[in-house]
């Protein structure tokens, strides 16, 4: 499949590279290690025993972890889509 000025197979390579980058980013996330904390590192609320047993090394309560997970993460990168708008800049 030809994609404008791109060579054959370029679109598939871009998709594969994007997937690889995302998988690498996910693998790089550090999982909690060590002993679980009895109290949250941010708000000092007690962490329930079931949460400590389910996630070894947990340091945050559910509310603080949910808030942290909901924050937008800035990711730099390359515009692999190669849209015409990005080429005009």
N, C-alpha and C. Protein backbone atom coordinates (compact mmCIF):
# COMPACT_ATOMS: atom_id res chain seq x y z
N UNK A 1 0.84 -1.17 0.00
CA UNK A 1 0.00 0.00 0.00
C UNK A 1 0.89 1.24 0.00
N UNK A 2 0.70 2.08 -0.97
CA UNK A 2 1.46 3.32 -1.06
C UNK A 2 0.76 4.38 -0.22
N UNK A 3 1.52 5.22 0.43
CA UNK A 3 0.95 6.27 1.28
C UNK A 3 1.46 7.64 0.89
N UNK A 4 1.11 8.12 -0.26
CA UNK A 4 1.58 9.44 -0.68
C UNK A 4 3.05 9.35 -1.07
N UNK A 5 3.89 10.12 -0.38
CA UNK A 5 5.31 10.14 -0.70
C UNK A 5 6.10 9.10 0.08
N UNK A 6 5.46 8.35 0.93
CA UNK A 6 6.18 7.35 1.72
C UNK A 6 6.40 6.09 0.90
N UNK A 7 7.43 5.38 1.26
CA UNK A 7 7.74 4.13 0.56
C UNK A 7 6.80 3.03 1.04
N UNK A 8 6.74 1.95 0.31
CA UNK A 8 5.89 0.83 0.68
C UNK A 8 6.31 0.28 2.04
N UNK A 9 5.33 0.02 2.88
CA UNK A 9 5.60 -0.54 4.20
C UNK A 9 5.89 0.48 5.28
N UNK A 10 5.99 1.77 4.92
CA UNK A 10 6.35 2.80 5.90
C UNK A 10 5.26 2.97 6.96
N UNK A 11 4.01 2.86 6.57
CA UNK A 11 2.91 3.03 7.53
C UNK A 11 2.95 1.92 8.57
N UNK A 12 3.13 0.69 8.11
CA UNK A 12 3.23 -0.43 9.04
C UNK A 12 4.40 -0.29 9.99
N UNK A 13 5.53 0.20 9.48
CA UNK A 13 6.70 0.40 10.33
C UNK A 13 6.44 1.48 11.38
N UNK A 14 5.72 2.52 11.01
CA UNK A 14 5.38 3.58 11.95
C UNK A 14 4.47 3.05 13.06
N UNK A 15 3.52 2.23 12.69
CA UNK A 15 2.62 1.65 13.68
C UNK A 15 3.39 0.74 14.63
N UNK A 16 4.24 -0.11 14.07
CA UNK A 16 5.04 -1.02 14.90
C UNK A 16 5.96 -0.24 15.84
N UNK A 17 6.56 0.84 15.36
CA UNK A 17 7.45 1.65 16.20
C UNK A 17 6.68 2.32 17.32
N UNK A 18 5.47 2.80 17.03
CA UNK A 18 4.65 3.42 18.07
C UNK A 18 4.26 2.41 19.14
N UNK A 19 3.89 1.22 18.72
CA UNK A 19 3.53 0.16 19.68
C UNK A 19 4.73 -0.21 20.53
N UNK A 20 5.90 -0.35 19.91
CA UNK A 20 7.12 -0.70 20.64
C UNK A 20 7.46 0.38 21.67
N UNK A 21 7.35 1.64 21.27
CA UNK A 21 7.64 2.73 22.21
C UNK A 21 6.71 2.69 23.42
N UNK A 22 5.44 2.45 23.18
CA UNK A 22 4.47 2.41 24.28
C UNK A 22 4.73 1.21 25.20
N UNK A 23 5.04 0.06 24.62
CA UNK A 23 5.37 -1.12 25.44
C UNK A 23 6.63 -0.88 26.26
N UNK A 24 7.65 -0.26 25.66
CA UNK A 24 8.87 0.06 26.40
C UNK A 24 8.58 1.00 27.56
N UNK A 25 7.70 1.99 27.32
CA UNK A 25 7.34 2.93 28.38
C UNK A 25 6.62 2.23 29.51
N UNK A 26 5.72 1.31 29.16
CA UNK A 26 4.99 0.57 30.19
C UNK A 26 5.91 -0.34 30.99
N UNK A 27 6.85 -0.97 30.33
CA UNK A 27 7.78 -1.86 31.03
C UNK A 27 8.71 -1.09 31.94
N UNK A 28 8.99 0.17 31.58
CA UNK A 28 9.91 0.98 32.36
C UNK A 28 9.29 1.48 33.66
N UNK A 29 7.96 1.44 33.74
CA UNK A 29 7.30 1.86 34.99
C UNK A 29 7.74 0.94 36.11
N UNK A 30 8.12 1.54 37.18
CA UNK A 30 8.59 0.74 38.30
C UNK A 30 7.41 0.23 39.13
N UNK A 31 7.44 -1.03 39.42
CA UNK A 31 6.43 -1.63 40.30
C UNK A 31 6.90 -1.43 41.74
N UNK A 32 5.99 -1.33 42.68
CA UNK A 32 6.39 -1.21 44.08
C UNK A 32 7.23 -2.41 44.51
N UNK A 33 8.25 -2.14 45.29
CA UNK A 33 9.11 -3.21 45.81
C UNK A 33 9.29 -3.00 47.30
N UNK A 34 9.69 -4.04 47.98
CA UNK A 34 9.95 -3.95 49.41
C UNK A 34 8.70 -4.20 50.23
N UNK A 35 8.78 -3.76 51.46
CA UNK A 35 7.67 -3.96 52.40
C UNK A 35 6.62 -2.87 52.22
N UNK A 36 5.38 -3.25 52.30
CA UNK A 36 4.29 -2.28 52.19
C UNK A 36 4.27 -1.35 53.39
N UNK A 37 3.89 -0.11 53.16
CA UNK A 37 3.77 0.85 54.24
C UNK A 37 2.41 0.69 54.93
N UNK A 38 2.38 0.94 56.22
CA UNK A 38 1.13 0.85 56.96
C UNK A 38 0.29 2.12 56.77
N UNK A 39 0.97 3.25 56.48
CA UNK A 39 0.29 4.53 56.27
C UNK A 39 0.75 5.13 54.96
N UNK A 40 -0.15 5.86 54.32
CA UNK A 40 0.12 6.48 53.02
C UNK A 40 1.28 7.47 53.11
N UNK A 41 2.16 7.45 52.13
CA UNK A 41 3.31 8.35 52.11
C UNK A 41 2.91 9.79 51.84
N UNK A 42 1.73 10.02 51.30
CA UNK A 42 1.31 11.39 50.98
C UNK A 42 0.35 11.97 52.00
N UNK A 43 -0.68 11.21 52.39
CA UNK A 43 -1.72 11.78 53.27
C UNK A 43 -1.71 11.19 54.68
N UNK A 44 -0.85 10.21 54.94
CA UNK A 44 -0.72 9.59 56.26
C UNK A 44 -1.94 8.77 56.71
N UNK A 45 -2.91 8.54 55.81
CA UNK A 45 -4.06 7.68 56.13
C UNK A 45 -3.59 6.22 56.18
N UNK A 46 -4.22 5.39 57.02
CA UNK A 46 -3.84 3.97 57.05
C UNK A 46 -4.17 3.28 55.72
N UNK A 47 -3.26 2.42 55.28
CA UNK A 47 -3.49 1.63 54.07
C UNK A 47 -4.12 0.31 54.51
N UNK A 48 -5.28 -0.05 53.94
CA UNK A 48 -5.95 -1.28 54.36
C UNK A 48 -5.07 -2.52 54.18
N UNK A 49 -5.22 -3.46 55.10
CA UNK A 49 -4.44 -4.70 55.09
C UNK A 49 -4.60 -5.46 53.76
N UNK A 50 -5.82 -5.51 53.23
CA UNK A 50 -6.05 -6.23 51.97
C UNK A 50 -5.28 -5.60 50.82
N UNK A 51 -5.17 -4.27 50.80
CA UNK A 51 -4.40 -3.60 49.74
C UNK A 51 -2.91 -3.91 49.90
N UNK A 52 -2.42 -3.90 51.13
CA UNK A 52 -1.01 -4.21 51.36
C UNK A 52 -0.68 -5.65 50.97
N UNK A 53 -1.64 -6.55 51.18
CA UNK A 53 -1.41 -7.96 50.81
C UNK A 53 -1.50 -8.14 49.29
N UNK A 54 -2.38 -7.39 48.65
CA UNK A 54 -2.57 -7.55 47.20
C UNK A 54 -1.43 -6.95 46.39
N UNK A 55 -0.85 -5.85 46.89
CA UNK A 55 0.22 -5.16 46.15
C UNK A 55 1.43 -5.03 47.06
N UNK A 56 2.34 -5.99 47.03
CA UNK A 56 3.53 -5.92 47.88
C UNK A 56 4.34 -4.65 47.57
N UNK A 57 4.72 -3.93 48.59
CA UNK A 57 5.52 -2.73 48.42
C UNK A 57 4.71 -1.47 48.21
N UNK A 58 3.39 -1.53 48.38
CA UNK A 58 2.54 -0.35 48.15
C UNK A 58 2.87 0.72 49.19
N UNK A 59 2.90 1.99 48.73
CA UNK A 59 3.24 3.10 49.61
C UNK A 59 2.13 4.15 49.67
N UNK A 60 1.13 4.05 48.77
CA UNK A 60 0.07 5.05 48.71
C UNK A 60 -1.29 4.41 48.95
N UNK A 61 -2.21 5.18 49.55
CA UNK A 61 -3.58 4.71 49.71
C UNK A 61 -4.28 4.75 48.35
N UNK A 62 -5.46 4.20 48.28
CA UNK A 62 -6.20 4.13 47.01
C UNK A 62 -6.49 5.52 46.46
N UNK A 63 -6.92 6.45 47.32
CA UNK A 63 -7.26 7.80 46.86
C UNK A 63 -6.04 8.52 46.28
N UNK A 64 -4.92 8.47 46.97
CA UNK A 64 -3.71 9.15 46.48
C UNK A 64 -3.19 8.50 45.20
N UNK A 65 -3.24 7.16 45.14
CA UNK A 65 -2.79 6.48 43.93
C UNK A 65 -3.70 6.81 42.76
N UNK A 66 -5.01 6.88 42.99
CA UNK A 66 -5.95 7.23 41.92
C UNK A 66 -5.69 8.63 41.41
N UNK A 67 -5.42 9.55 42.33
CA UNK A 67 -5.13 10.92 41.93
C UNK A 67 -3.85 10.98 41.10
N UNK A 68 -2.83 10.25 41.54
CA UNK A 68 -1.56 10.24 40.81
C UNK A 68 -1.73 9.61 39.43
N UNK A 69 -2.51 8.53 39.33
CA UNK A 69 -2.74 7.87 38.04
C UNK A 69 -3.53 8.75 37.09
N UNK A 70 -4.37 9.63 37.63
CA UNK A 70 -5.21 10.47 36.79
C UNK A 70 -4.50 11.68 36.22
N UNK A 71 -3.31 11.98 36.71
CA UNK A 71 -2.57 13.15 36.22
C UNK A 71 -2.09 12.90 34.79
N UNK A 72 -2.13 13.96 34.01
CA UNK A 72 -1.62 13.86 32.64
C UNK A 72 -0.10 13.76 32.68
N UNK A 73 0.43 12.86 31.91
CA UNK A 73 1.87 12.66 31.84
C UNK A 73 2.38 13.25 30.53
N UNK A 74 3.35 14.15 30.64
CA UNK A 74 3.94 14.73 29.45
C UNK A 74 4.87 13.71 28.81
N UNK A 75 4.62 13.44 27.57
CA UNK A 75 5.49 12.52 26.84
C UNK A 75 6.01 13.24 25.62
N UNK A 76 7.30 13.36 25.53
CA UNK A 76 7.90 13.92 24.33
C UNK A 76 7.96 12.83 23.29
N UNK A 77 8.24 13.21 22.11
CA UNK A 77 8.36 12.17 21.11
C UNK A 77 8.33 12.74 19.71
N UNK A 78 8.28 11.85 18.81
CA UNK A 78 8.31 12.20 17.40
C UNK A 78 6.91 12.05 16.84
N UNK A 79 6.53 12.98 16.00
CA UNK A 79 5.25 12.86 15.32
C UNK A 79 5.43 11.85 14.19
N UNK A 80 5.10 10.62 14.48
CA UNK A 80 5.30 9.56 13.49
C UNK A 80 4.20 9.53 12.45
N UNK A 81 3.13 10.25 12.70
CA UNK A 81 2.03 10.21 11.73
C UNK A 81 2.42 10.89 10.44
N UNK A 82 3.34 11.83 10.51
CA UNK A 82 3.79 12.51 9.30
C UNK A 82 2.66 13.28 8.62
N UNK A 83 1.80 13.90 9.41
CA UNK A 83 0.69 14.64 8.81
C UNK A 83 1.24 15.86 8.07
N UNK A 84 0.44 16.32 7.10
CA UNK A 84 0.87 17.48 6.32
C UNK A 84 1.01 18.71 7.21
N UNK A 85 0.17 18.83 8.25
CA UNK A 85 0.27 19.96 9.16
C UNK A 85 1.62 19.99 9.84
N UNK A 86 2.14 18.83 10.25
CA UNK A 86 3.42 18.81 10.94
C UNK A 86 4.58 19.12 9.98
N UNK A 87 4.38 18.87 8.71
CA UNK A 87 5.44 19.13 7.73
C UNK A 87 5.49 20.59 7.33
N UNK A 88 4.43 21.33 7.60
CA UNK A 88 4.39 22.74 7.23
C UNK A 88 5.14 23.61 8.22
N UNK A 89 5.42 23.10 9.40
CA UNK A 89 6.10 23.90 10.44
C UNK A 89 7.57 24.02 10.17
